[in-house]
Each structure stands twice: as C-alpha cells, then as structure tokens.
C-alpha cells in the first residue's frame, strides 16, 4: 500500500475538522496486524476528533478501513492523548484516590 495515500487522507480529514490543523501529526507503522496510523492533535481539538461517545473517531476508523480495503491492507487508527489532556476518567479517578488518602 502506498504510504502517502492513507496518511494524506487522514491528515486531510482531521485537519478539516480541528481548530489547530498545524498541530496534526500522523505516524505510520507496519506490523503483522497491518498498518497502524498514530494520530496526535492539539489538546483542545481532542473533543472534535473523538466526538460525542466516540462517534467521530469511529467514523474516521471506518473510512480508513475502506481506504485500506481498496489497497489490500488493514488500517487501524490510534489516537494519542496530548500532554495536558484530561485523560477522560483518569483525572477523576486520581482525584478520588487522593480524597480517600486524606481521610
């Protein structure tokens, strides 16, 4: 599979929906499972990339699978959490643990 097709498609797609397109970075690795694209975005753009209940991320993954099928490759997407991000439930769990320790 031509590396530029899947990377350029993902970059175009993500840069079209985020507020900080200059911070979009995509890395590509090939292993026995297929192609793994790793996406990094600005911390303020994570909500736009993931979407409500992960709907946007799921749609992006579906489109990447179609691109992969057209090129006889299995394409997966990993979205990295940016530094300074909330981590979803991680910060709430950490805060709860700190509260328990102070009792």
PDB file of N, CA and C in Angstrom:
ATOM      1  N   UNK A   1       0.848  -1.193   0.000  1.00  0.00           N
ATOM      2  CA  UNK A   1       0.000   0.000   0.000  1.00  0.00           C
ATOM      3  C   UNK A   1       0.885   1.246   0.000  1.00  0.00           C
ATOM      4  N   UNK A   2       0.519   2.203  -0.781  1.00  0.00           N
ATOM      5  CA  UNK A   2       1.255   3.454  -0.862  1.00  0.00           C
ATOM      6  C   UNK A   2       1.047   4.231   0.435  1.00  0.00           C
ATOM      7  N   UNK A   3       2.138   4.489   1.135  1.00  0.00           N
ATOM      8  CA  UNK A   3       2.076   5.146   2.440  1.00  0.00           C
ATOM      9  C   UNK A   3       1.446   6.530   2.362  1.00  0.00           C
ATOM     10  N   UNK A   4       1.659   7.207   1.287  1.00  0.00           N
ATOM     11  CA  UNK A   4       1.162   8.575   1.203  1.00  0.00           C
ATOM     12  C   UNK A   4      -0.359   8.643   1.116  1.00  0.00           C
ATOM     13  N   UNK A   5      -1.009   7.596   0.599  1.00  0.00           N
ATOM     14  CA  UNK A   5      -2.464   7.638   0.452  1.00  0.00           C
ATOM     15  C   UNK A   5      -3.176   7.664   1.805  1.00  0.00           C
ATOM     16  N   UNK A   6      -2.836   6.730   2.693  1.00  0.00           N
ATOM     17  CA  UNK A   6      -3.550   6.681   3.960  1.00  0.00           C
ATOM     18  C   UNK A   6      -3.184   7.846   4.875  1.00  0.00           C
ATOM     19  N   UNK A   7      -1.916   8.237   4.862  1.00  0.00           N
ATOM     20  CA  UNK A   7      -1.504   9.363   5.699  1.00  0.00           C
ATOM     21  C   UNK A   7      -2.123  10.661   5.207  1.00  0.00           C
ATOM     22  N   UNK A   8      -2.062  10.909   3.916  1.00  0.00           N
ATOM     23  CA  UNK A   8      -2.614  12.163   3.391  1.00  0.00           C
ATOM     24  C   UNK A   8      -4.127  12.213   3.563  1.00  0.00           C
ATOM     25  N   UNK A   9      -4.807  11.062   3.427  1.00  0.00           N
ATOM     26  CA  UNK A   9      -6.248  11.034   3.635  1.00  0.00           C
ATOM     27  C   UNK A   9      -6.591  11.384   5.080  1.00  0.00           C
ATOM     28  N   UNK A  10      -5.893  10.751   6.035  1.00  0.00           N
ATOM     29  CA  UNK A  10      -6.158  11.017   7.447  1.00  0.00           C
ATOM     30  C   UNK A  10      -5.841  12.461   7.803  1.00  0.00           C
ATOM     31  N   UNK A  11      -4.716  12.963   7.336  1.00  0.00           N
ATOM     32  CA  UNK A  11      -4.357  14.358   7.621  1.00  0.00           C
ATOM     33  C   UNK A  11      -5.396  15.320   7.058  1.00  0.00           C
ATOM     34  N   UNK A  12      -5.818  15.096   5.824  1.00  0.00           N
ATOM     35  CA  UNK A  12      -6.831  15.965   5.213  1.00  0.00           C
ATOM     36  C   UNK A  12      -8.113  15.945   6.033  1.00  0.00           C
ATOM     37  N   UNK A  13      -8.560  14.753   6.406  1.00  0.00           N
ATOM     38  CA  UNK A  13      -9.803  14.591   7.146  1.00  0.00           C
ATOM     39  C   UNK A  13      -9.746  15.291   8.499  1.00  0.00           C
ATOM     40  N   UNK A  14      -8.687  15.029   9.249  1.00  0.00           N
ATOM     41  CA  UNK A  14      -8.583  15.586  10.602  1.00  0.00           C
ATOM     42  C   UNK A  14      -8.344  17.092  10.559  1.00  0.00           C
ATOM     43  N   UNK A  15      -7.481  17.546   9.656  1.00  0.00           N
ATOM     44  CA  UNK A  15      -7.217  18.985   9.568  1.00  0.00           C
ATOM     45  C   UNK A  15      -8.467  19.765   9.181  1.00  0.00           C
ATOM     46  N   UNK A  16      -9.405  19.099   8.523  1.00  0.00           N
ATOM     47  CA  UNK A  16     -10.652  19.755   8.124  1.00  0.00           C
ATOM     48  C   UNK A  16     -11.605  19.974   9.287  1.00  0.00           C
ATOM     49  N   UNK A  17     -11.433  19.212  10.370  1.00  0.00           N
ATOM     50  CA  UNK A  17     -12.398  19.317  11.476  1.00  0.00           C
ATOM     51  C   UNK A  17     -11.831  19.948  12.743  1.00  0.00           C
ATOM     52  N   UNK A  18     -10.516  20.181  12.810  1.00  0.00           N
ATOM     53  CA  UNK A  18      -9.927  20.730  14.034  1.00  0.00           C
ATOM     54  C   UNK A  18      -9.690  22.228  13.912  1.00  0.00           C
ATOM     55  N   UNK A  19      -9.461  22.867  15.060  1.00  0.00           N
ATOM     56  CA  UNK A  19      -9.177  24.297  15.100  1.00  0.00           C
ATOM     57  C   UNK A  19      -7.685  24.606  14.978  1.00  0.00           C
ATOM     58  N   UNK A  20      -6.835  23.602  15.224  1.00  0.00           N
ATOM     59  CA  UNK A  20      -5.380  23.778  15.166  1.00  0.00           C
ATOM     60  C   UNK A  20      -4.784  22.779  14.171  1.00  0.00           C
ATOM     61  N   UNK A  21      -5.034  22.964  12.869  1.00  0.00           N
ATOM     62  CA  UNK A  21      -4.550  21.987  11.876  1.00  0.00           C
ATOM     63  C   UNK A  21      -3.027  21.872  11.825  1.00  0.00           C
ATOM     64  N   UNK A  22      -2.332  22.917  12.253  1.00  0.00           N
ATOM     65  CA  UNK A  22      -0.868  22.871  12.228  1.00  0.00           C
ATOM     66  C   UNK A  22      -0.296  21.885  13.254  1.00  0.00           C
ATOM     67  N   UNK A  23      -1.110  21.481  14.243  1.00  0.00           N
ATOM     68  CA  UNK A  23      -0.657  20.555  15.285  1.00  0.00           C
ATOM     69  C   UNK A  23      -1.000  19.097  14.983  1.00  0.00           C
ATOM     70  N   UNK A  24      -1.586  18.820  13.832  1.00  0.00           N
ATOM     71  CA  UNK A  24      -1.935  17.446  13.464  1.00  0.00           C
ATOM     72  C   UNK A  24      -0.684  16.722  12.987  1.00  0.00           C
ATOM     73  N   UNK A  25      -0.405  15.573  13.629  1.00  0.00           N
ATOM     74  CA  UNK A  25       0.753  14.762  13.249  1.00  0.00           C
ATOM     75  C   UNK A  25       0.305  13.313  13.103  1.00  0.00           C
ATOM     76  N   UNK A  26       0.754  12.664  12.050  1.00  0.00           N
ATOM     77  CA  UNK A  26       0.406  11.273  11.793  1.00  0.00           C
ATOM     78  C   UNK A  26       1.681  10.468  11.592  1.00  0.00           C
ATOM     79  N   UNK A  27       1.783   9.349  12.298  1.00  0.00           N
ATOM     80  CA  UNK A  27       2.890   8.421  12.110  1.00  0.00           C
ATOM     81  C   UNK A  27       2.331   7.113  11.582  1.00  0.00           C
ATOM     82  N   UNK A  28       3.116   6.415  10.773  1.00  0.00           N
ATOM     83  CA  UNK A  28       2.665   5.164  10.155  1.00  0.00           C
ATOM     84  C   UNK A  28       3.644   4.053  10.480  1.00  0.00           C
ATOM     85  N   UNK A  29       3.109   2.929  10.980  1.00  0.00           N
ATOM     86  CA  UNK A  29       3.925   1.748  11.267  1.00  0.00           C
ATOM     87  C   UNK A  29       3.245   0.536  10.656  1.00  0.00           C
ATOM     88  N   UNK A  30       4.057  -0.378  10.161  1.00  0.00           N
ATOM     89  CA  UNK A  30       3.533  -1.613   9.593  1.00  0.00           C
ATOM     90  C   UNK A  30       4.024  -2.767  10.454  1.00  0.00           C
ATOM     91  N   UNK A  31       3.097  -3.653  10.844  1.00  0.00           N
ATOM     92  CA  UNK A  31       3.459  -4.853  11.587  1.00  0.00           C
ATOM     93  C   UNK A  31       2.626  -6.020  11.082  1.00  0.00           C
ATOM     94  N   UNK A  32       2.635  -7.136  11.814  1.00  0.00           N
ATOM     95  CA  UNK A  32       1.900  -8.319  11.371  1.00  0.00           C
ATOM     96  C   UNK A  32       0.385  -8.113  11.354  1.00  0.00           C
ATOM     97  N   UNK A  33      -0.116  -7.124  12.075  1.00  0.00           N
ATOM     98  CA  UNK A  33      -1.550  -6.838  12.111  1.00  0.00           C
ATOM     99  C   UNK A  33      -1.984  -5.916  10.975  1.00  0.00           C
ATOM    100  N   UNK A  34      -1.038  -5.323  10.276  1.00  0.00           N
ATOM    101  CA  UNK A  34      -1.362  -4.413   9.188  1.00  0.00           C
ATOM    102  C   UNK A  34      -0.707  -3.066   9.386  1.00  0.00           C
ATOM    103  N   UNK A  35      -1.414  -2.017   9.009  1.00  0.00           N
ATOM    104  CA  UNK A  35      -0.902  -0.649   9.100  1.00  0.00           C
ATOM    105  C   UNK A  35      -1.511   0.016  10.328  1.00  0.00           C
ATOM    106  N   UNK A  36      -0.664   0.630  11.139  1.00  0.00           N
ATOM    107  CA  UNK A  36      -1.136   1.377  12.300  1.00  0.00           C
ATOM    108  C   UNK A  36      -0.801   2.839  12.091  1.00  0.00           C
ATOM    109  N   UNK A  37      -1.843   3.672  12.047  1.00  0.00           N
ATOM    110  CA  UNK A  37      -1.656   5.113  11.962  1.00  0.00           C
ATOM    111  C   UNK A  37      -1.870   5.689  13.355  1.00  0.00           C
ATOM    112  N   UNK A  38      -0.895   6.458  13.815  1.00  0.00           N
ATOM    113  CA  UNK A  38      -0.973   7.079  15.132  1.00  0.00           C
ATOM    114  C   UNK A  38      -1.206   8.567  14.930  1.00  0.00           C
ATOM    115  N   UNK A  39      -2.260   9.075  15.530  1.00  0.00           N
ATOM    116  CA  UNK A  39      -2.678  10.466  15.338  1.00  0.00           C
ATOM    117  C   UNK A  39      -2.452  11.271  16.605  1.00  0.00           C
ATOM    118  N   UNK A  40      -1.830  12.434  16.446  1.00  0.00           N
ATOM    119  CA  UNK A  40      -1.669  13.387  17.536  1.00  0.00           C
ATOM    120  C   UNK A  40      -2.310  14.698  17.109  1.00  0.00           C
ATOM    121  N   UNK A  41      -3.084  15.290  18.021  1.00  0.00           N
ATOM    122  CA  UNK A  41      -3.706  16.588  17.755  1.00  0.00           C
ATOM    123  C   UNK A  41      -3.515  17.486  18.969  1.00  0.00           C
ATOM    124  N   UNK A  42      -3.808  18.749  18.801  1.00  0.00           N
ATOM    125  CA  UNK A  42      -3.759  19.717  19.896  1.00  0.00           C
ATOM    126  C   UNK A  42      -4.764  19.298  20.960  1.00  0.00           C
ATOM    127  N   UNK A  43      -4.441  19.532  22.232  1.00  0.00           N
ATOM    128  CA  UNK A  43      -5.317  19.074  23.319  1.00  0.00           C
ATOM    129  C   UNK A  43      -6.722  19.679  23.230  1.00  0.00           C
ATOM    130  N   UNK A  44      -6.851  20.868  22.702  1.00  0.00           N
ATOM    131  CA  UNK A  44      -8.170  21.496  22.579  1.00  0.00           C
ATOM    132  C   UNK A  44      -9.009  20.875  21.468  1.00  0.00           C
ATOM    133  N   UNK A  45      -8.380  20.110  20.580  1.00  0.00           N
ATOM    134  CA  UNK A  45      -9.080  19.502  19.452  1.00  0.00           C
ATOM    135  C   UNK A  45      -9.512  18.057  19.703  1.00  0.00           C
ATOM    136  N   UNK A  46      -9.154  17.494  20.843  1.00  0.00           N
ATOM    137  CA  UNK A  46      -9.476  16.092  21.113  1.00  0.00           C
ATOM    138  C   UNK A  46     -10.980  15.833  21.051  1.00  0.00           C
ATOM    139  N   UNK A  47     -11.770  16.731  21.580  1.00  0.00           N
ATOM    140  CA  UNK A  47     -13.220  16.554  21.565  1.00  0.00           C
ATOM    141  C   UNK A  47     -13.780  16.505  20.159  1.00  0.00           C
ATOM    142  N   UNK A  48     -13.210  17.293  19.265  1.00  0.00           N
ATOM    143  CA  UNK A  48     -13.671  17.303  17.881  1.00  0.00           C
ATOM    144  C   UNK A  48     -13.277  16.027  17.149  1.00  0.00           C
ATOM    145  N   UNK A  49     -12.122  15.485  17.479  1.00  0.00           N
ATOM    146  CA  UNK A  49     -11.649  14.273  16.813  1.00  0.00           C
ATOM    147  C   UNK A  49     -12.382  13.036  17.338  1.00  0.00           C
ATOM    148  N   UNK A  50     -12.601  12.993  18.640  1.00  0.00           N
ATOM    149  CA  UNK A  50     -13.267  11.834  19.233  1.00  0.00           C
ATOM    150  C   UNK A  50     -14.778  11.913  19.025  1.00  0.00           C
ATOM    151  N   UNK A  51     -15.352  13.083  19.229  1.00  0.00           N
ATOM    152  CA  UNK A  51     -16.788  13.257  19.040  1.00  0.00           C
ATOM    153  C   UNK A  51     -17.591  12.738  20.224  1.00  0.00           C
ATOM    154  N   UNK A  52     -18.878  12.976  20.172  1.00  0.00           N
ATOM    155  CA  UNK A  52     -19.758  12.540  21.251  1.00  0.00           C
ATOM    156  C   UNK A  52     -19.835  11.016  21.264  1.00  0.00           C
ATOM    157  N   UNK A  53     -19.505  10.441  22.401  1.00  0.00           N
ATOM    158  CA  UNK A  53     -19.495   8.983  22.600  1.00  0.00           C
ATOM    159  C   UNK A  53     -18.594   8.278  21.586  1.00  0.00           C
ATOM    160  N   UNK A  54     -17.581   8.986  21.079  1.00  0.00           N
ATOM    161  CA  UNK A  54     -16.626   8.388  20.159  1.00  0.00           C
ATOM    162  C   UNK A  54     -17.117   8.241  18.737  1.00  0.00           C
ATOM    163  N   UNK A  55     -18.209   8.901  18.401  1.00  0.00           N
ATOM    164  CA  UNK A  55     -18.812   8.734  17.077  1.00  0.00           C
ATOM    165  C   UNK A  55     -17.901   9.202  15.945  1.00  0.00           C
ATOM    166  N   UNK A  56     -17.226  10.336  16.131  1.00  0.00           N
ATOM    167  CA  UNK A  56     -16.361  10.848  15.070  1.00  0.00           C
ATOM    168  C   UNK A  56     -15.153   9.934  14.875  1.00  0.00           C
ATOM    169  N   UNK A  57     -14.547   9.504  15.970  1.00  0.00           N
ATOM    170  CA  UNK A  57     -13.402   8.592  15.879  1.00  0.00           C
ATOM    171  C   UNK A  57     -13.802   7.286  15.197  1.00  0.00           C
ATOM    172  N   UNK A  58     -14.977   6.790  15.513  1.00  0.00           N
ATOM    173  CA  UNK A  58     -15.461   5.561  14.894  1.00  0.00           C
ATOM    174  C   UNK A  58     -15.660   5.752  13.389  1.00  0.00           C
ATOM    175  N   UNK A  59     -16.197   6.902  13.004  1.00  0.00           N
ATOM    176  CA  UNK A  59     -16.395   7.192  11.581  1.00  0.00           C
ATOM    177  C   UNK A  59     -15.060   7.310  10.843  1.00  0.00           C
ATOM    178  N   UNK A  60     -14.078   7.958  11.470  1.00  0.00           N
ATOM    179  CA  UNK A  60     -12.756   8.079  10.852  1.00  0.00           C
ATOM    180  C   UNK A  60     -12.138   6.701  10.674  1.00  0.00           C
ATOM    181  N   UNK A  61     -12.263   5.846  11.691  1.00  0.00           N
ATOM    182  CA  UNK A  61     -11.723   4.482  11.590  1.00  0.00           C
ATOM    183  C   UNK A  61     -12.401   3.695  10.469  1.00  0.00           C
ATOM    184  N   UNK A  62     -13.704   3.864  10.327  1.00  0.00           N
ATOM    185  CA  UNK A  62     -14.427   3.180   9.250  1.00  0.00           C
ATOM    186  C   UNK A  62     -13.934   3.626   7.882  1.00  0.00           C
ATOM    187  N   UNK A  63     -13.736   4.916   7.718  1.00  0.00           N
ATOM    188  CA  UNK A  63     -13.236   5.436   6.442  1.00  0.00           C
ATOM    189  C   UNK A  63     -11.817   4.935   6.155  1.00  0.00           C
ATOM    190  N   UNK A  64     -10.987   4.847   7.193  1.00  0.00           N
ATOM    191  CA  UNK A  64      -9.626   4.339   6.996  1.00  0.00           C
ATOM    192  C   UNK A  64      -9.638   2.865   6.610  1.00  0.00           C
ATOM    193  N   UNK A  65     -10.572   2.100   7.154  1.00  0.00           N
ATOM    194  CA  UNK A  65     -10.676   0.696   6.761  1.00  0.00           C
ATOM    195  C   UNK A  65     -11.046   0.571   5.287  1.00  0.00           C
ATOM    196  N   UNK A  66     -11.902   1.463   4.806  1.00  0.00           N
ATOM    197  CA  UNK A  66     -12.278   1.458   3.394  1.00  0.00           C
ATOM    198  C   UNK A  66     -11.065   1.792   2.524  1.00  0.00           C
ATOM    199  N   UNK A  67     -10.291   2.788   2.934  1.00  0.00           N
ATOM    200  CA  UNK A  67      -9.072   3.124   2.203  1.00  0.00           C
ATOM    201  C   UNK A  67      -8.143   1.913   2.182  1.00  0.00           C
ATOM    202  N   UNK A  68      -8.041   1.228   3.312  1.00  0.00           N
ATOM    203  CA  UNK A  68      -7.203   0.036   3.380  1.00  0.00           C
ATOM    204  C   UNK A  68      -7.698  -1.081   2.483  1.00  0.00           C
ATOM    205  N   UNK A  69      -8.998  -1.304   2.462  1.00  0.00           N
ATOM    206  CA  UNK A  69      -9.565  -2.353   1.608  1.00  0.00           C
ATOM    207  C   UNK A  69      -9.266  -2.099   0.132  1.00  0.00           C
ATOM    208  N   UNK A  70      -9.345  -0.849  -0.263  1.00  0.00           N
ATOM    209  CA  UNK A  70      -9.060  -0.507  -1.658  1.00  0.00           C
ATOM    210  C   UNK A  70      -7.599  -0.770  -2.013  1.00  0.00           C
ATOM    211  N   UNK A  71      -6.742  -0.813  -0.976  1.00  0.00           N
ATOM    212  CA  UNK A  71      -5.312  -1.003  -1.203  1.00  0.00           C
ATOM    213  C   UNK A  71      -4.798  -2.315  -0.603  1.00  0.00           C
ATOM    214  N   UNK A  72      -5.720  -3.241  -0.322  1.00  0.00           N
ATOM    215  CA  UNK A  72      -5.373  -4.571   0.206  1.00  0.00           C
ATOM    216  C   UNK A  72      -4.533  -4.505   1.480  1.00  0.00           C
ATOM    217  N   UNK A  73      -4.928  -3.659   2.414  1.00  0.00           N
ATOM    218  CA  UNK A  73      -4.227  -3.535   3.686  1.00  0.00           C
ATOM    219  C   UNK A  73      -5.239  -3.303   4.800  1.00  0.00           C
ATOM    220  N   UNK A  74      -4.885  -3.747   5.983  1.00  0.00           N
ATOM    221  CA  UNK A  74      -5.720  -3.496   7.155  1.00  0.00           C
ATOM    222  C   UNK A  74      -5.162  -2.255   7.842  1.00  0.00           C
ATOM    223  N   UNK A  75      -5.972  -1.213   7.940  1.00  0.00           N
ATOM    224  CA  UNK A  75      -5.528   0.057   8.515  1.00  0.00           C
ATOM    225  C   UNK A  75      -6.252   0.284   9.836  1.00  0.00           C
ATOM    226  N   UNK A  76      -5.474   0.533  10.879  1.00  0.00           N
ATOM    227  CA  UNK A  76      -6.020   0.832  12.201  1.00  0.00           C
ATOM    228  C   UNK A  76      -5.562   2.213  12.623  1.00  0.00           C
ATOM    229  N   UNK A  77      -6.338   2.829  13.508  1.00  0.00           N
ATOM    230  CA  UNK A  77      -6.040   4.179  13.983  1.00  0.00           C
ATOM    231  C   UNK A  77      -5.906   4.184  15.486  1.00  0.00           C
ATOM    232  N   UNK A  78      -4.825   4.797  15.955  1.00  0.00           N
ATOM    233  CA  UNK A  78      -4.619   5.009  17.385  1.00  0.00           C
ATOM    234  C   UNK A  78      -4.544   6.513  17.589  1.00  0.00           C
ATOM    235  N   UNK A  79      -5.388   7.025  18.480  1.00  0.00           N
ATOM    236  CA  UNK A  79      -5.398   8.457  18.768  1.00  0.00           C
ATOM    237  C   UNK A  79      -4.691   8.662  20.094  1.00  0.00           C
ATOM    238  N   UNK A  80      -3.573   9.368  20.061  1.00  0.00           N
ATOM    239  CA  UNK A  80      -2.810   9.620  21.278  1.00  0.00           C
ATOM    240  C   UNK A  80      -3.396  10.799  22.032  1.00  0.00           C
ATOM    241  N   UNK A  81      -3.440  10.664  23.339  1.00  0.00           N
ATOM    242  CA  UNK A  81      -3.905  11.775  24.158  1.00  0.00           C
ATOM    243  C   UNK A  81      -2.775  12.784  24.291  1.00  0.00           C
ATOM    244  N   UNK A  82      -3.042  14.048  24.005  1.00  0.00           N
ATOM    245  CA  UNK A  82      -1.983  15.052  24.091  1.00  0.00           C
ATOM    246  C   UNK A  82      -1.603  15.324  25.542  1.00  0.00           C
ATOM    247  N   UNK A  83      -0.378  15.804  25.735  1.00  0.00           N
ATOM    248  CA  UNK A  83       0.056  16.160  27.080  1.00  0.00           C
ATOM    249  C   UNK A  83      -0.805  17.302  27.586  1.00  0.00           C
ATOM    250  N   UNK A  84      -1.165  17.213  28.862  1.00  0.00           N
ATOM    251  CA  UNK A  84      -2.031  18.230  29.438  1.00  0.00           C
ATOM    252  C   UNK A  84      -3.493  17.955  29.203  1.00  0.00           C
ATOM    253  N   UNK A  85      -3.816  16.827  28.558  1.00  0.00           N
ATOM    254  CA  UNK A  85      -5.204  16.442  28.349  1.00  0.00           C
ATOM    255  C   UNK A  85      -5.819  15.939  29.639  1.00  0.00           C
ATOM    256  N   UNK A  86      -7.130  15.819  29.640  1.00  0.00           N
ATOM    257  CA  UNK A  86      -7.816  15.402  30.861  1.00  0.00           C
ATOM    258  C   UNK A  86      -7.729  13.915  31.083  1.00  0.00           C
ATOM    259  N   UNK A  87      -7.560  13.134  30.044  1.00  0.00           N
ATOM    260  CA  UNK A  87      -7.451  11.694  30.211  1.00  0.00           C
ATOM    261  C   UNK A  87      -8.775  11.037  30.478  1.00  0.00           C
ATOM    262  N   UNK A  88      -9.854  11.679  30.121  1.00  0.00           N
ATOM    263  CA  UNK A  88     -11.161  11.071  30.346  1.00  0.00           C
ATOM    264  C   UNK A  88     -11.445  10.911  31.815  1.00  0.00           C
ATOM    265  N   UNK A  89     -11.492   9.669  32.283  1.00  0.00           N
ATOM    266  CA  UNK A  89     -11.798   9.396  33.671  1.00  0.00           C
ATOM    267  C   UNK A  89     -10.561   9.388  34.543  1.00  0.00           C
ATOM    268  N   UNK A  90      -9.388   9.392  33.934  1.00  0.00           N
ATOM    269  CA  UNK A  90      -8.153   9.284  34.690  1.00  0.00           C
ATOM    270  C   UNK A  90      -8.010  10.346  35.762  1.00  0.00           C
ATOM    271  N   UNK A  91      -8.261  11.602  35.433  1.00  0.00           N
ATOM    272  CA  UNK A  91      -8.097  12.661  36.409  1.00  0.00           C
ATOM    273  C   UNK A  91      -9.138  12.558  37.518  1.00  0.00           C
ATOM    274  N   UNK A  92     -10.335  12.136  37.206  1.00  0.00           N
ATOM    275  CA  UNK A  92     -11.367  11.971  38.235  1.00  0.00           C
ATOM    276  C   UNK A  92     -11.002  10.834  39.177  1.00  0.00           C
ATOM    277  N   UNK A  93     -10.457   9.756  38.648  1.00  0.00           N
ATOM    278  CA  UNK A  93     -10.036   8.627  39.477  1.00  0.00           C
ATOM    279  C   UNK A  93      -8.880   9.043  40.365  1.00  0.00           C
ATOM    280  N   UNK A  94      -7.911   9.751  39.793  1.00  0.00           N
ATOM    281  CA  UNK A  94      -6.773  10.221  40.582  1.00  0.00           C
ATOM    282  C   UNK A  94      -7.238  11.130  41.713  1.00  0.00           C
ATOM    283  N   UNK A  95      -8.174  12.013  41.425  1.00  0.00           N
ATOM    284  CA  UNK A  95      -8.689  12.923  42.452  1.00  0.00           C
ATOM    285  C   UNK A  95      -9.419  12.143  43.539  1.00  0.00           C
ATOM    286  N   UNK A  96     -10.193  11.142  43.148  1.00  0.00           N
ATOM    287  CA  UNK A  96     -10.915  10.328  44.134  1.00  0.00           C
ATOM    288  C   UNK A  96      -9.943   9.574  45.036  1.00  0.00           C
ATOM    289  N   UNK A  97      -8.858   9.060  44.462  1.00  0.00           N
ATOM    290  CA  UNK A  97      -7.848   8.360  45.267  1.00  0.00           C
ATOM    291  C   UNK A  97      -7.183   9.306  46.255  1.00  0.00           C
ATOM    292  N   UNK A  98      -6.883  10.509  45.828  1.00  0.00           N
ATOM    293  CA  UNK A  98      -6.291  11.499  46.730  1.00  0.00           C
ATOM    294  C   UNK A  98      -7.261  11.846  47.857  1.00  0.00           C
ATOM    295  N   UNK A  99      -8.555  11.966  47.537  1.00  0.00           N
ATOM    296  CA  UNK A  99      -9.557  12.245  48.560  1.00  0.00           C
ATOM    297  C   UNK A  99      -9.630  11.122  49.589  1.00  0.00           C
ATOM    298  N   UNK A 100      -9.538   9.881  49.120  1.00  0.00           N
ATOM    299  CA  UNK A 100      -9.576   8.734  50.035  1.00  0.00           C
ATOM    300  C   UNK A 100      -8.352   8.690  50.935  1.00  0.00           C
ATOM    301  N   UNK A 101      -7.192   9.056  50.412  1.00  0.00           N
ATOM    302  CA  UNK A 101      -5.972   9.042  51.194  1.00  0.00           C
ATOM    303  C   UNK A 101      -6.015  10.065  52.316  1.00  0.00           C
ATOM    304  N   UNK A 102      -6.720  11.161  52.100  1.00  0.00           N
ATOM    305  CA  UNK A 102      -6.760  12.220  53.108  1.00  0.00           C
ATOM    306  C   UNK A 102      -7.740  11.918  54.246  1.00  0.00           C
ATOM    307  N   UNK A 103      -8.529  10.867  54.116  1.00  0.00           N
ATOM    308  CA  UNK A 103      -9.493  10.518  55.173  1.00  0.00           C
ATOM    309  C   UNK A 103      -8.849   9.889  56.353  1.00  0.00           C
TER     310      UNK A 103
END
